[in-house]
Structure formats: structure tokens, C-alpha cells
Amino acid sequence: MFDLTDVRYVKRIIVGNDNPQNLRSPAEIDAANELLNRCLHDAPKGVIIGTEKNFAILNVGEHQVVLQWLVYHVGFPRKPSWIQD
């Protein structure tokens, strides 16, 4: 059983393209997915305590482009030593 009062550290992980001026490469998006999986499976195990679902509509010439990204908030009882901020 997870209690929210045990959370002492929150890691914010962005998966997807959140900045139209600086698009992320597929390798960077894969690295964010791997970090999220590591946060949920390695010790100390984190728990997703919140998500943000965002989008932006851009006009490129005559076309509209939609950028979508998710932000995961992963809570830990203590900061993992393998997380570099």
C-alpha cells in the first residue's frame, strides 16, 4: 500500500515533444521512456502520482500540426542515487 505522505522526492519526466522550436529526437524520447520504466521498476521503486496530458496546435504553411506530450510525476520515498538532476 502506497501512502502519499511517504513521498519525499518527485521526478518530473516529459515524454514527447513539448517545444516546437526544439523538437526531440526519437532517441531522446526513448531515453525518457527508459527513465520512466527505471523509475517504476528499480529500487527504490517510484509510483506515478500524477500525469499531465498536453498538446499544441501549430500552423506550418497551410497545414496544422499537433504536438502531443505526457508529463509523468513519479514519487519516491527518497531520491534514488541513480537519478542525475
N, C-alpha and C. Protein backbone atom coordinates (compact mmCIF):
# COMPACT_ATOMS: atom_id res chain seq x y z
N MET A 1 0.85 -1.18 0.00
CA MET A 1 0.00 0.00 0.00
C MET A 1 0.89 1.24 0.00
N PHE A 2 0.61 2.16 -0.89
CA PHE A 2 1.41 3.38 -1.02
C PHE A 2 0.67 4.54 -0.37
N ASP A 3 1.38 5.28 0.47
CA ASP A 3 0.81 6.43 1.15
C ASP A 3 1.48 7.69 0.61
N LEU A 4 0.71 8.66 0.22
CA LEU A 4 1.25 9.88 -0.37
C LEU A 4 2.11 10.67 0.62
N THR A 5 1.92 10.46 1.90
CA THR A 5 2.74 11.17 2.89
C THR A 5 4.17 10.63 2.93
N ASP A 6 4.41 9.46 2.31
CA ASP A 6 5.76 8.90 2.25
C ASP A 6 6.62 9.53 1.16
N VAL A 7 6.00 10.31 0.27
CA VAL A 7 6.74 10.90 -0.86
C VAL A 7 7.62 12.05 -0.36
N ARG A 8 8.93 11.92 -0.62
CA ARG A 8 9.88 12.96 -0.25
C ARG A 8 10.58 13.55 -1.48
N TYR A 9 10.46 12.87 -2.62
CA TYR A 9 11.11 13.33 -3.85
C TYR A 9 10.20 13.02 -5.02
N VAL A 10 10.03 14.00 -5.93
CA VAL A 10 9.20 13.82 -7.11
C VAL A 10 10.06 14.11 -8.34
N LYS A 11 10.07 13.17 -9.27
CA LYS A 11 10.78 13.32 -10.54
C LYS A 11 9.75 13.58 -11.62
N ARG A 12 9.97 14.64 -12.40
CA ARG A 12 9.08 15.01 -13.50
C ARG A 12 9.73 14.54 -14.79
N ILE A 13 9.03 13.67 -15.54
CA ILE A 13 9.57 13.09 -16.77
C ILE A 13 8.65 13.46 -17.93
N ILE A 14 9.23 14.13 -18.94
CA ILE A 14 8.47 14.54 -20.13
C ILE A 14 8.71 13.53 -21.23
N VAL A 15 7.62 12.97 -21.76
CA VAL A 15 7.70 12.02 -22.86
C VAL A 15 6.97 12.63 -24.06
N GLY A 16 7.72 12.95 -25.10
CA GLY A 16 7.15 13.56 -26.29
C GLY A 16 7.81 14.90 -26.57
N ASN A 17 7.28 15.60 -27.57
CA ASN A 17 7.82 16.90 -27.97
C ASN A 17 7.02 18.01 -27.30
N ASP A 18 7.67 18.74 -26.41
CA ASP A 18 6.99 19.81 -25.69
C ASP A 18 7.38 21.20 -26.16
N ASN A 19 8.35 21.30 -27.04
CA ASN A 19 8.83 22.59 -27.51
C ASN A 19 8.92 22.57 -29.03
N PRO A 20 8.07 23.34 -29.72
CA PRO A 20 8.10 23.30 -31.19
C PRO A 20 9.39 23.86 -31.79
N GLN A 21 10.11 24.71 -31.06
CA GLN A 21 11.37 25.25 -31.57
C GLN A 21 12.52 24.26 -31.40
N ASN A 22 12.38 23.31 -30.50
CA ASN A 22 13.44 22.35 -30.22
C ASN A 22 12.82 20.96 -30.13
N LEU A 23 12.56 20.34 -31.27
CA LEU A 23 11.93 19.02 -31.28
C LEU A 23 12.92 17.96 -30.81
N ARG A 24 12.40 17.03 -30.04
CA ARG A 24 13.24 15.94 -29.52
C ARG A 24 13.38 14.84 -30.56
N SER A 25 14.53 14.23 -30.57
CA SER A 25 14.76 13.11 -31.48
C SER A 25 14.09 11.85 -30.93
N PRO A 26 13.86 10.87 -31.78
CA PRO A 26 13.29 9.60 -31.27
C PRO A 26 14.17 8.96 -30.19
N ALA A 27 15.48 9.15 -30.28
CA ALA A 27 16.37 8.60 -29.25
C ALA A 27 16.14 9.28 -27.90
N GLU A 28 15.90 10.58 -27.90
CA GLU A 28 15.63 11.30 -26.64
C GLU A 28 14.29 10.87 -26.03
N ILE A 29 13.30 10.63 -26.89
CA ILE A 29 12.00 10.17 -26.40
C ILE A 29 12.13 8.76 -25.84
N ASP A 30 12.90 7.90 -26.50
CA ASP A 30 13.15 6.54 -25.99
C ASP A 30 13.89 6.59 -24.65
N ALA A 31 14.84 7.52 -24.51
CA ALA A 31 15.57 7.66 -23.26
C ALA A 31 14.63 8.08 -22.13
N ALA A 32 13.66 8.96 -22.42
CA ALA A 32 12.68 9.36 -21.41
C ALA A 32 11.81 8.18 -21.01
N ASN A 33 11.41 7.34 -21.99
CA ASN A 33 10.64 6.14 -21.68
C ASN A 33 11.43 5.17 -20.82
N GLU A 34 12.71 5.00 -21.12
CA GLU A 34 13.56 4.11 -20.33
C GLU A 34 13.73 4.63 -18.91
N LEU A 35 13.87 5.96 -18.76
CA LEU A 35 13.97 6.54 -17.42
C LEU A 35 12.68 6.30 -16.64
N LEU A 36 11.54 6.49 -17.29
CA LEU A 36 10.26 6.24 -16.63
C LEU A 36 10.16 4.78 -16.18
N ASN A 37 10.52 3.84 -17.06
CA ASN A 37 10.48 2.42 -16.68
C ASN A 37 11.44 2.12 -15.54
N ARG A 38 12.61 2.74 -15.56
CA ARG A 38 13.57 2.50 -14.47
C ARG A 38 13.02 3.05 -13.15
N CYS A 39 12.37 4.21 -13.22
CA CYS A 39 11.79 4.80 -12.01
C CYS A 39 10.72 3.90 -11.40
N LEU A 40 10.00 3.18 -12.26
CA LEU A 40 8.90 2.35 -11.77
C LEU A 40 9.33 0.95 -11.36
N HIS A 41 10.55 0.52 -11.77
CA HIS A 41 10.94 -0.87 -11.50
C HIS A 41 12.19 -1.02 -10.64
N ASP A 42 13.12 -0.06 -10.66
CA ASP A 42 14.35 -0.19 -9.88
C ASP A 42 14.13 0.30 -8.45
N ALA A 43 15.03 -0.11 -7.57
CA ALA A 43 14.95 0.32 -6.17
C ALA A 43 15.58 1.69 -6.00
N PRO A 44 15.01 2.56 -5.24
CA PRO A 44 13.67 2.49 -4.64
C PRO A 44 12.60 2.69 -5.70
N LYS A 45 11.55 1.88 -5.63
CA LYS A 45 10.50 1.95 -6.64
C LYS A 45 9.69 3.23 -6.48
N GLY A 46 9.43 3.85 -7.62
CA GLY A 46 8.60 5.03 -7.63
C GLY A 46 7.17 4.68 -7.99
N VAL A 47 6.28 5.62 -7.74
CA VAL A 47 4.87 5.46 -8.04
C VAL A 47 4.41 6.70 -8.79
N ILE A 48 3.66 6.50 -9.86
CA ILE A 48 3.12 7.65 -10.60
C ILE A 48 2.06 8.31 -9.73
N ILE A 49 2.31 9.57 -9.37
CA ILE A 49 1.37 10.29 -8.51
C ILE A 49 0.56 11.32 -9.30
N GLY A 50 0.94 11.54 -10.56
CA GLY A 50 0.19 12.47 -11.40
C GLY A 50 0.67 12.43 -12.83
N THR A 51 -0.22 12.82 -13.73
CA THR A 51 0.13 12.92 -15.15
C THR A 51 -0.45 14.20 -15.71
N GLU A 52 0.25 14.76 -16.67
CA GLU A 52 -0.25 15.90 -17.43
C GLU A 52 -0.31 15.47 -18.89
N LYS A 53 -1.43 15.74 -19.53
CA LYS A 53 -1.58 15.45 -20.96
C LYS A 53 -1.71 16.78 -21.67
N ASN A 54 -0.75 17.09 -22.54
CA ASN A 54 -0.69 18.38 -23.18
C ASN A 54 -0.64 18.25 -24.69
N PHE A 55 -1.05 19.31 -25.36
CA PHE A 55 -0.92 19.35 -26.81
C PHE A 55 -0.79 20.80 -27.25
N ALA A 56 -0.25 20.98 -28.43
CA ALA A 56 -0.13 22.30 -29.05
C ALA A 56 -0.45 22.15 -30.53
N ILE A 57 -1.20 23.09 -31.05
CA ILE A 57 -1.54 23.08 -32.47
C ILE A 57 -0.72 24.16 -33.15
N LEU A 58 0.06 23.76 -34.14
CA LEU A 58 0.92 24.67 -34.87
C LEU A 58 0.47 24.78 -36.31
N ASN A 59 0.60 25.95 -36.88
CA ASN A 59 0.31 26.14 -38.30
C ASN A 59 1.64 26.18 -39.04
N VAL A 60 1.84 25.20 -39.91
CA VAL A 60 3.04 25.12 -40.73
C VAL A 60 2.59 25.28 -42.18
N GLY A 61 2.75 26.49 -42.70
CA GLY A 61 2.25 26.76 -44.04
C GLY A 61 0.74 26.65 -44.05
N GLU A 62 0.21 25.79 -44.89
CA GLU A 62 -1.23 25.59 -44.97
C GLU A 62 -1.71 24.43 -44.10
N HIS A 63 -0.79 23.79 -43.41
CA HIS A 63 -1.13 22.59 -42.64
C HIS A 63 -1.12 22.89 -41.14
N GLN A 64 -1.92 22.13 -40.42
CA GLN A 64 -1.90 22.19 -38.97
C GLN A 64 -1.20 20.93 -38.46
N VAL A 65 -0.30 21.14 -37.50
CA VAL A 65 0.45 20.05 -36.89
C VAL A 65 0.13 20.04 -35.40
N VAL A 66 -0.13 18.88 -34.87
CA VAL A 66 -0.43 18.74 -33.45
C VAL A 66 0.75 18.08 -32.76
N LEU A 67 1.31 18.76 -31.75
CA LEU A 67 2.34 18.17 -30.90
C LEU A 67 1.68 17.68 -29.64
N GLN A 68 1.99 16.48 -29.23
CA GLN A 68 1.43 15.91 -28.01
C GLN A 68 2.55 15.42 -27.12
N TRP A 69 2.37 15.58 -25.82
CA TRP A 69 3.35 15.05 -24.88
C TRP A 69 2.67 14.76 -23.56
N LEU A 70 3.28 13.86 -22.82
CA LEU A 70 2.82 13.50 -21.48
C LEU A 70 3.91 13.85 -20.48
N VAL A 71 3.49 14.28 -19.32
CA VAL A 71 4.42 14.53 -18.23
C VAL A 71 4.00 13.63 -17.07
N TYR A 72 4.94 12.80 -16.63
CA TYR A 72 4.69 11.90 -15.51
C TYR A 72 5.37 12.46 -14.27
N HIS A 73 4.66 12.47 -13.16
CA HIS A 73 5.22 12.85 -11.86
C HIS A 73 5.36 11.56 -11.06
N VAL A 74 6.60 11.15 -10.83
CA VAL A 74 6.87 9.90 -10.13
C VAL A 74 7.38 10.23 -8.73
N GLY A 75 6.69 9.72 -7.73
CA GLY A 75 7.04 9.99 -6.34
C GLY A 75 7.87 8.86 -5.75
N PHE A 76 8.86 9.25 -4.94
CA PHE A 76 9.76 8.30 -4.26
C PHE A 76 9.80 8.62 -2.77
N PRO A 77 10.03 7.61 -1.95
CA PRO A 77 10.22 7.87 -0.51
C PRO A 77 11.55 8.60 -0.24
N ARG A 78 12.52 8.44 -1.12
CA ARG A 78 13.81 9.17 -1.05
C ARG A 78 14.36 9.28 -2.46
N LYS A 79 15.28 10.21 -2.66
CA LYS A 79 15.82 10.40 -4.01
C LYS A 79 16.74 9.22 -4.35
N PRO A 80 16.47 8.57 -5.48
CA PRO A 80 17.35 7.47 -5.90
C PRO A 80 18.75 8.00 -6.25
N SER A 81 19.75 7.22 -5.94
CA SER A 81 21.12 7.65 -6.20
C SER A 81 21.43 7.68 -7.68
N TRP A 82 20.69 6.95 -8.51
CA TRP A 82 20.96 6.89 -9.94
C TRP A 82 20.29 8.00 -10.73
N ILE A 83 19.53 8.86 -10.09
CA ILE A 83 18.90 10.00 -10.79
C ILE A 83 19.86 11.19 -10.74
N GLN A 84 20.18 11.72 -11.92
CA GLN A 84 21.04 12.88 -12.03
C GLN A 84 20.17 14.07 -12.43
N ASP A 85 20.16 15.11 -11.63
CA ASP A 85 19.37 16.32 -11.96
C ASP A 85 20.24 17.39 -12.53
